[in-house]
Protein backbone atom coordinates (compact mmCIF):
# COMPACT_ATOMS: atom_id res chain seq x y z
CA MET A 1 73.59 72.80 74.29
CA LYS A 2 72.51 76.41 73.97
CA ILE A 3 72.26 78.73 76.96
CA SER A 4 69.95 81.70 76.78
CA LYS A 5 71.43 85.16 77.17
CA LYS A 6 69.45 85.69 80.37
CA ILE A 7 70.79 82.50 81.95
CA GLY A 8 74.29 83.34 80.77
CA ILE A 9 74.12 86.78 82.40
CA ILE A 10 72.85 85.31 85.67
CA PHE A 11 75.65 82.74 85.65
CA LEU A 12 78.28 85.42 85.02
CA ALA A 13 76.93 87.59 87.83
CA ALA A 14 77.00 84.65 90.23
CA ALA A 15 80.58 83.87 89.26
CA MET A 16 81.63 87.48 89.79
CA LEU A 17 79.94 87.51 93.20
CA PHE A 18 81.79 84.35 94.17
CA LEU A 19 85.14 85.77 93.05
CA GLY A 20 84.56 89.02 94.91
CA THR A 21 83.73 87.14 98.10
CA TYR A 22 86.77 84.93 97.64
CA SER A 23 89.16 87.88 97.27
CA ALA A 24 87.88 89.43 100.48
CA PHE A 25 88.32 86.07 102.20
CA ALA A 26 91.80 85.54 100.71
CA GLY A 27 93.26 84.34 103.93
CA GLY A 28 92.70 81.83 106.62
CA ASN A 29 93.69 79.85 109.60
CA ARG A 30 96.88 78.11 108.52
CA ASN A 31 95.97 75.17 110.72
CA SER A 32 92.66 74.35 109.06
CA THR A 33 90.63 74.78 105.90
CA ALA A 34 88.52 77.94 106.16
CA THR A 35 84.86 78.03 105.23
CA THR A 36 82.24 80.73 105.62
CA GLN A 37 80.45 78.51 108.20
CA GLN A 38 83.41 78.57 110.59
CA THR A 39 83.95 81.34 113.10
CA PHE A 40 87.30 82.93 113.82
CA GLU A 41 87.78 84.73 117.11
CA LEU A 42 90.96 86.57 116.20
CA ALA A 43 91.27 88.32 112.85
CA LEU A 44 93.83 90.38 111.00
CA ILE A 45 93.04 92.49 107.95
CA THR A 46 96.02 93.19 105.73
CA ASP A 47 96.91 96.60 104.41
CA LEU A 48 98.58 97.00 101.00
CA GLY A 49 100.81 93.99 101.54
CA THR A 50 100.26 90.35 102.47
CA ILE A 51 100.92 88.32 105.60
CA ASP A 52 104.21 87.15 104.10
CA ASP A 53 105.45 90.62 103.15
CA LYS A 54 108.40 90.28 105.55
CA SER A 55 107.25 93.62 106.98
CA PHE A 56 104.52 95.05 109.21
CA ASN A 57 101.68 92.81 107.98
CA GLN A 58 103.74 89.70 108.65
CA GLY A 59 105.07 90.96 111.98
CA SER A 60 101.54 91.75 113.19
CA TRP A 61 100.18 88.42 111.93
CA GLU A 62 102.95 86.51 113.71
CA GLY A 63 102.00 88.16 117.00
CA LEU A 64 98.36 87.15 116.53
CA VAL A 65 99.24 83.60 115.49
CA ARG A 66 101.60 83.19 118.41
CA TYR A 67 98.85 83.96 120.92
CA ALA A 68 96.22 81.96 119.04
CA ASN A 69 98.39 78.86 118.88
CA GLU A 70 99.36 79.10 122.54
CA LYS A 71 95.73 79.40 123.64
CA ASN A 72 94.15 77.27 120.88
CA ILE A 73 91.99 80.13 119.59
CA THR A 74 90.56 80.18 116.08
CA HIS A 75 92.08 82.83 113.84
CA ARG A 76 92.39 83.96 110.24
CA TYR A 77 93.41 86.89 108.09
CA TYR A 78 91.40 88.77 105.49
CA GLN A 79 92.73 90.62 102.46
CA PRO A 80 90.63 93.53 101.11
CA ALA A 81 89.84 93.51 97.41
CA GLU A 82 91.28 97.01 96.95
CA GLN A 83 92.78 99.99 98.75
CA SER A 84 89.81 102.11 99.81
CA ASN A 85 87.92 102.97 102.97
CA ASP A 86 84.84 101.17 101.65
CA ALA A 87 86.81 98.01 100.91
CA TYR A 88 88.42 98.07 104.35
CA LEU A 89 85.05 98.58 106.06
CA SER A 90 83.49 95.77 104.03
CA THR A 91 86.31 93.45 105.07
CA ILE A 92 85.97 94.49 108.71
CA ASP A 93 82.26 93.65 108.46
CA LEU A 94 83.18 90.28 106.97
CA ALA A 95 85.47 89.56 109.91
CA VAL A 96 82.82 90.61 112.42
CA ARG A 97 80.22 88.40 110.77
CA GLY A 98 82.85 85.66 110.86
CA GLY A 99 82.90 85.81 114.65
CA ALA A 100 85.87 88.09 115.32
CA LYS A 101 86.19 89.39 118.86
CA VAL A 102 89.52 91.13 118.21
CA ILE A 103 90.55 92.62 114.87
CA VAL A 104 94.11 93.72 114.16
CA THR A 105 94.60 96.26 111.35
CA PRO A 106 98.22 97.04 110.41
CA GLY A 107 98.79 100.36 108.69
CA PHE A 108 97.84 104.02 108.86
CA LEU A 109 95.39 103.55 105.96
CA PHE A 110 93.03 101.97 108.49
CA GLU A 111 92.77 105.15 110.56
CA THR A 112 89.50 106.34 109.00
CA PRO A 113 87.90 102.88 108.65
CA ILE A 114 88.59 102.16 112.31
CA TYR A 115 87.22 105.60 113.27
CA ILE A 116 83.94 104.44 111.75
CA ALA A 117 84.08 100.75 112.68
CA GLN A 118 84.77 101.29 116.39
CA ASP A 119 81.31 102.83 116.81
CA ARG A 120 79.61 100.51 114.34
CA TYR A 121 80.84 97.41 116.22
CA PRO A 122 81.10 98.40 119.91
CA ASN A 123 81.50 94.79 121.07
CA VAL A 124 84.55 94.17 118.90
CA GLN A 125 88.03 95.20 120.03
CA PHE A 126 90.30 96.86 117.46
CA ILE A 127 94.10 97.00 117.52
CA LEU A 128 95.22 99.69 115.06
CA ILE A 129 98.91 99.41 114.20
CA ASP A 130 100.76 102.54 113.05
CA GLY A 131 97.86 104.90 113.47
CA THR A 132 95.18 106.70 115.48
CA PRO A 133 91.50 106.79 114.41
CA HIS A 134 90.26 110.01 112.81
CA SER A 135 87.60 111.26 110.42
CA GLU A 136 88.36 111.35 106.72
CA ASP A 137 88.94 115.11 106.76
CA TYR A 138 91.14 114.90 109.89
CA SER A 139 88.77 117.26 111.72
CA THR A 140 88.02 114.76 114.49
CA PHE A 141 90.26 112.29 116.27
CA LYS A 142 88.66 109.71 118.54
CA THR A 143 89.89 106.45 120.04
CA SER A 144 86.93 104.67 121.57
CA ASN A 145 87.09 102.30 124.54
CA ASN A 146 87.11 99.29 122.22
CA THR A 147 90.13 100.52 120.26
CA VAL A 148 93.82 100.89 120.98
CA GLY A 149 96.24 102.71 118.69
CA VAL A 150 99.80 101.41 118.54
CA LEU A 151 102.61 103.68 117.36
CA TYR A 152 106.38 103.18 117.18
CA ALA A 153 109.40 105.45 117.33
CA GLU A 154 110.50 104.68 113.76
CA ASP A 155 112.85 107.65 113.95
CA GLN A 156 114.79 105.85 116.68
CA ALA A 157 114.93 102.58 114.72
CA GLY A 158 116.12 104.48 111.65
CA PHE A 159 118.61 106.39 113.78
CA LEU A 160 120.19 103.16 115.01
CA ALA A 161 120.46 101.88 111.43
CA GLY A 162 122.11 105.06 110.13
CA TYR A 163 124.46 105.32 113.08
CA ALA A 164 125.56 101.68 112.83
CA ALA A 165 126.01 101.87 109.05
CA VAL A 166 128.45 104.78 109.29
CA LYS A 167 130.25 103.40 112.33
CA ASP A 168 130.70 100.15 110.40
CA GLY A 169 132.62 101.98 107.69
CA ASN A 170 129.98 102.84 105.08
CA ARG A 171 130.27 106.32 103.60
CA ARG A 172 127.85 106.36 100.64
CA LEU A 173 124.35 105.59 101.84
CA GLY A 174 120.93 105.30 100.24
CA PHE A 175 117.41 105.61 101.63
CA MET A 176 114.68 104.12 99.46
CA GLY A 177 111.30 104.54 101.12
CA GLY A 178 107.92 103.40 99.88
CA MET A 179 105.07 105.89 100.19
CA ALA A 180 105.96 109.07 102.10
CA VAL A 181 103.60 108.21 104.95
CA PRO A 182 104.41 109.25 108.55
CA ALA A 183 106.06 105.99 109.60
CA VAL A 184 108.29 105.84 106.51
CA VAL A 185 109.19 109.52 106.82
CA ARG A 186 110.22 109.00 110.44
CA PHE A 187 112.42 106.05 109.48
CA GLY A 188 114.19 108.22 106.90
CA TYR A 189 114.66 111.23 109.17
CA GLY A 190 116.12 109.06 111.90
CA PHE A 191 118.43 107.35 109.42
CA VAL A 192 119.89 110.73 108.43
CA GLN A 193 120.20 111.83 112.06
CA GLY A 194 122.02 108.63 113.04
CA ALA A 195 124.44 108.89 110.13
CA GLU A 196 125.08 112.52 111.03
CA LEU A 197 125.94 111.81 114.66
CA ALA A 198 128.21 108.89 113.77
CA ALA A 199 130.07 111.06 111.25
CA GLN A 200 130.57 113.78 113.87
CA GLU A 201 131.86 111.28 116.43
CA LEU A 202 134.29 109.90 113.85
CA GLY A 203 135.52 113.41 113.04
CA LEU A 204 134.64 113.17 109.37
CA ALA A 205 134.68 116.24 107.16
CA ALA A 206 131.59 117.90 105.69
CA GLY A 207 130.36 115.88 102.72
CA ASP A 208 132.25 112.72 103.64
CA ILE A 209 128.91 110.96 104.10
CA THR A 210 126.50 111.15 101.16
CA ILE A 211 122.89 109.94 101.07
CA ASN A 212 120.70 109.26 98.04
CA TYR A 213 117.11 109.82 99.22
CA HIS A 214 113.98 108.63 97.36
CA TYR A 215 110.35 107.60 97.87
CA THR A 216 109.03 105.07 95.34
CA GLY A 217 105.38 106.04 95.95
CA HIS A 218 104.32 102.42 96.61
CA PHE A 219 105.16 99.32 98.63
CA SER A 220 105.67 96.91 95.75
CA ALA A 221 108.59 95.00 94.28
CA THR A 222 109.03 96.30 90.75
CA PRO A 223 111.66 96.16 87.99
CA GLU A 224 111.90 99.95 88.16
CA VAL A 225 112.89 99.88 91.83
CA GLN A 226 115.47 97.17 91.17
CA THR A 227 116.91 99.17 88.29
CA MET A 228 117.18 102.34 90.36
CA ALA A 229 118.78 100.48 93.27
CA ALA A 230 121.26 98.84 90.91
CA SER A 231 122.15 102.23 89.41
CA TRP A 232 122.82 103.61 92.89
CA TYR A 233 125.03 100.66 93.74
CA ASN A 234 126.90 100.89 90.45
CA ALA A 235 127.48 104.59 91.10
CA GLY A 236 129.18 103.76 94.40
CA VAL A 237 126.45 103.55 97.06
CA ASP A 238 127.55 101.04 99.71
CA VAL A 239 124.28 100.27 101.46
CA ILE A 240 120.59 101.12 100.93
CA PHE A 241 118.04 101.35 103.73
CA ALA A 242 115.06 99.70 101.98
CA CYS A 243 112.08 101.08 103.86
CA GLY A 244 108.96 100.13 101.94
CA GLY A 245 107.63 96.61 102.43
CA ALA A 246 108.16 94.62 99.24
CA VAL A 247 110.30 97.46 97.86
CA GLY A 248 113.03 95.77 99.86
CA ASN A 249 112.78 92.65 97.72
CA SER A 250 113.79 94.66 94.67
CA VAL A 251 116.62 96.37 96.53
CA MET A 252 117.92 93.01 97.77
CA ALA A 253 117.88 91.65 94.23
CA ALA A 254 119.96 94.62 93.08
CA ALA A 255 122.35 94.18 95.99
CA GLU A 256 122.84 90.52 95.14
CA GLN A 257 123.67 91.46 91.56
CA THR A 258 126.19 94.11 92.55
CA GLY A 259 127.67 92.62 95.70
CA LYS A 260 126.43 95.50 97.87
CA LYS A 261 124.47 95.75 101.13
CA VAL A 262 120.91 96.36 102.37
CA ILE A 263 119.32 97.48 105.63
CA GLY A 264 115.93 95.86 106.18
CA VAL A 265 112.89 97.31 107.92
CA ASP A 266 110.10 96.53 110.41
CA VAL A 267 111.18 92.93 111.16
CA ASP A 268 114.45 91.00 111.09
CA GLN A 269 114.99 90.47 107.35
CA SER A 270 118.40 88.80 107.62
CA GLY A 271 116.93 85.53 106.40
CA GLU A 272 115.75 87.08 103.15
CA SER A 273 119.18 87.74 101.70
CA ARG A 274 122.83 87.56 102.68
CA THR A 275 123.04 91.19 101.59
CA VAL A 276 121.00 92.34 104.62
CA ILE A 277 123.46 93.60 107.21
CA THR A 278 120.81 94.60 109.77
CA SER A 279 117.16 95.68 110.06
CA ALA A 280 115.50 98.71 111.65
CA MET A 281 112.94 96.79 113.67
CA LYS A 282 109.65 97.63 115.34
CA GLY A 283 108.25 95.36 118.03
CA LEU A 284 105.23 94.41 115.92
CA GLN A 285 104.86 90.82 117.03
CA ALA A 286 105.34 91.64 120.71
CA SER A 287 102.95 94.60 120.76
CA VAL A 288 100.14 92.71 118.99
CA TYR A 289 100.67 89.72 121.27
CA ASP A 290 100.63 91.93 124.36
CA CYS A 291 97.45 93.75 123.33
CA ILE A 292 95.62 90.48 122.66
CA THR A 293 96.89 89.10 125.98
CA ALA A 294 95.51 92.19 127.70
CA PHE A 295 92.11 91.66 126.10
CA TYR A 296 91.78 88.11 127.36
CA ALA A 297 93.05 89.18 130.79
CA GLY A 298 90.29 91.80 131.06
CA ARG A 299 92.61 94.80 130.85
CA PHE A 300 92.42 95.82 127.19
CA PRO A 301 93.94 99.34 126.91
CA GLY A 302 90.97 100.72 125.02
CA GLY A 303 90.79 104.46 124.42
CA GLN A 304 94.58 104.76 124.50
CA THR A 305 97.40 105.28 122.04
CA LEU A 306 100.47 103.27 123.01
CA THR A 307 103.89 104.34 121.77
CA PHE A 308 106.71 101.81 121.66
CA THR A 309 110.17 103.40 121.81
CA ALA A 310 113.71 102.51 122.81
CA SER A 311 112.76 103.19 126.41
CA ASN A 312 110.37 100.23 126.45
CA ASN A 313 112.30 98.08 123.94
CA GLY A 314 109.78 98.82 121.20
CA VAL A 315 112.42 99.40 118.50
CA GLY A 316 115.95 98.22 117.82
CA LEU A 317 118.42 96.33 115.63
CA PRO A 318 118.68 92.50 115.67
CA MET A 319 122.31 92.32 116.71
CA ALA A 320 122.31 88.51 116.95
CA THR A 321 121.75 88.23 113.20
CA SER A 322 123.38 91.46 112.00
CA ARG A 323 126.33 91.19 109.62
CA PHE A 324 128.45 94.17 110.64
CA GLN A 325 132.19 94.21 110.05
CA SER A 326 133.25 96.26 113.06
CA PHE A 327 130.15 97.70 114.78
CA SER A 328 129.97 95.60 117.94
CA ARG A 329 127.32 94.64 120.46
CA ALA A 330 129.01 96.94 122.96
CA ASP A 331 128.81 99.81 120.47
CA TYR A 332 125.12 99.08 119.95
CA ASP A 333 124.31 98.83 123.65
CA ALA A 334 126.01 102.17 124.30
CA ILE A 335 124.08 104.10 121.65
CA PHE A 336 120.83 102.32 122.50
CA ARG A 337 121.15 103.42 126.14
CA ARG A 338 121.50 107.03 125.00
CA LEU A 339 118.29 106.75 123.02
CA ALA A 340 116.45 104.97 125.81
CA ASN A 341 117.33 107.50 128.49
CA GLY A 342 116.57 110.50 126.31
CA THR A 343 120.14 111.75 125.92
CA ILE A 344 119.48 111.75 122.19
CA PRO A 345 116.07 113.42 121.68
CA ARG A 346 113.46 112.04 119.31
CA MET A 347 112.94 113.78 115.99
CA GLU A 348 109.31 114.89 116.18
CA ASN A 349 107.18 117.51 114.41
CA LEU A 350 108.37 116.32 111.02
CA ALA A 351 107.50 118.06 107.76
CA ASP A 352 104.42 116.72 105.94
CA ASP A 353 106.04 116.31 102.53
CA GLY A 354 108.65 113.79 103.65
CA SER A 355 111.55 116.07 102.77
CA PRO A 356 114.72 115.41 104.76
CA ARG A 357 115.97 118.97 104.28
CA VAL A 358 114.74 120.11 107.70
CA VAL A 359 117.34 117.88 109.31
CA PRO A 360 120.31 120.00 110.48
CA VAL A 361 122.99 118.47 108.26
CA THR A 362 126.61 119.49 108.73
CA ILE A 363 128.44 116.31 107.83
CA THR A 364 126.25 114.47 105.33
CA ARG A 365 125.25 115.51 101.85
CA ILE A 366 121.74 114.49 100.78
CA THR A 367 120.67 114.07 97.18
CA GLU A 368 116.91 113.79 96.77
CA ILE A 369 116.07 111.59 93.80
CA ARG A 370 112.73 112.63 92.29
């Protein structure tokens, strides 16, 4: 049977429209089959990763799912078709039209879309993880009453990881970040600071601790990342702090090949590989859960930016699942108390380019890998 060119073109356009809609809806309530006729009260829109990225998307999603399951509230996630403000705004609109009352957006890339969306949808509550809303040119910052920004002291989480790694006997360290965005930069700076203090307390000589330092420029698992990690390990690096979402998967694969160690990020990644000795964690699940709880209790912290630090148990290491050789729970509790009470100050006002050189280094030697 012959099909006219006109009909063929119409059919192709319809198919493309369907596929585009499907990619934006590439998510769902894991307890039911999603359709466009259903409504979902709680929604999460993923950033560059997916809800099973073992990082901040997954941690945020788990907090939403935990509340939704406890209260029997419909929920789903949405995955934008691409990384752009327009794609994020289109997906937010999709969630709103799908009945969302609360939308969780993990990642600083949502800062400008939420700046726009919070006024476009005044009856929807937004929980922006790792960011504060601002205009595209950064000239205006505004957090409306229907939005809460959630930030974390990644520098403190990274500090704990670096300190514990050196105290546990590691001397050649690696930091492999994803994109040099503020949260990743803070993780890296803290990692260096923690290693530095531990080396001083141990009385090590200048240069006894070395750190390979690199940003991959993305948050993906790639053969190139695995190859670089393997080359570091083969050159003598003991442990790599894999701070870049799925970048960690490649680092873990290299560690498994070489018999070396990994420090995970954002959530407890000990279950991903036996090579993970600990993880620099942020309280993603708890903070999302608490913000949603506040909404339904009529006390949503709209118009505010909340910062989760050691002082309110917003960051830390999962000592129950950590695989340290000698760094003990007592050691951890002691250094954590110093962070929580401010004895060890936070590393703020960081350089924009992600360079670790501004850190006062007297013990460690840093090699930036370009």
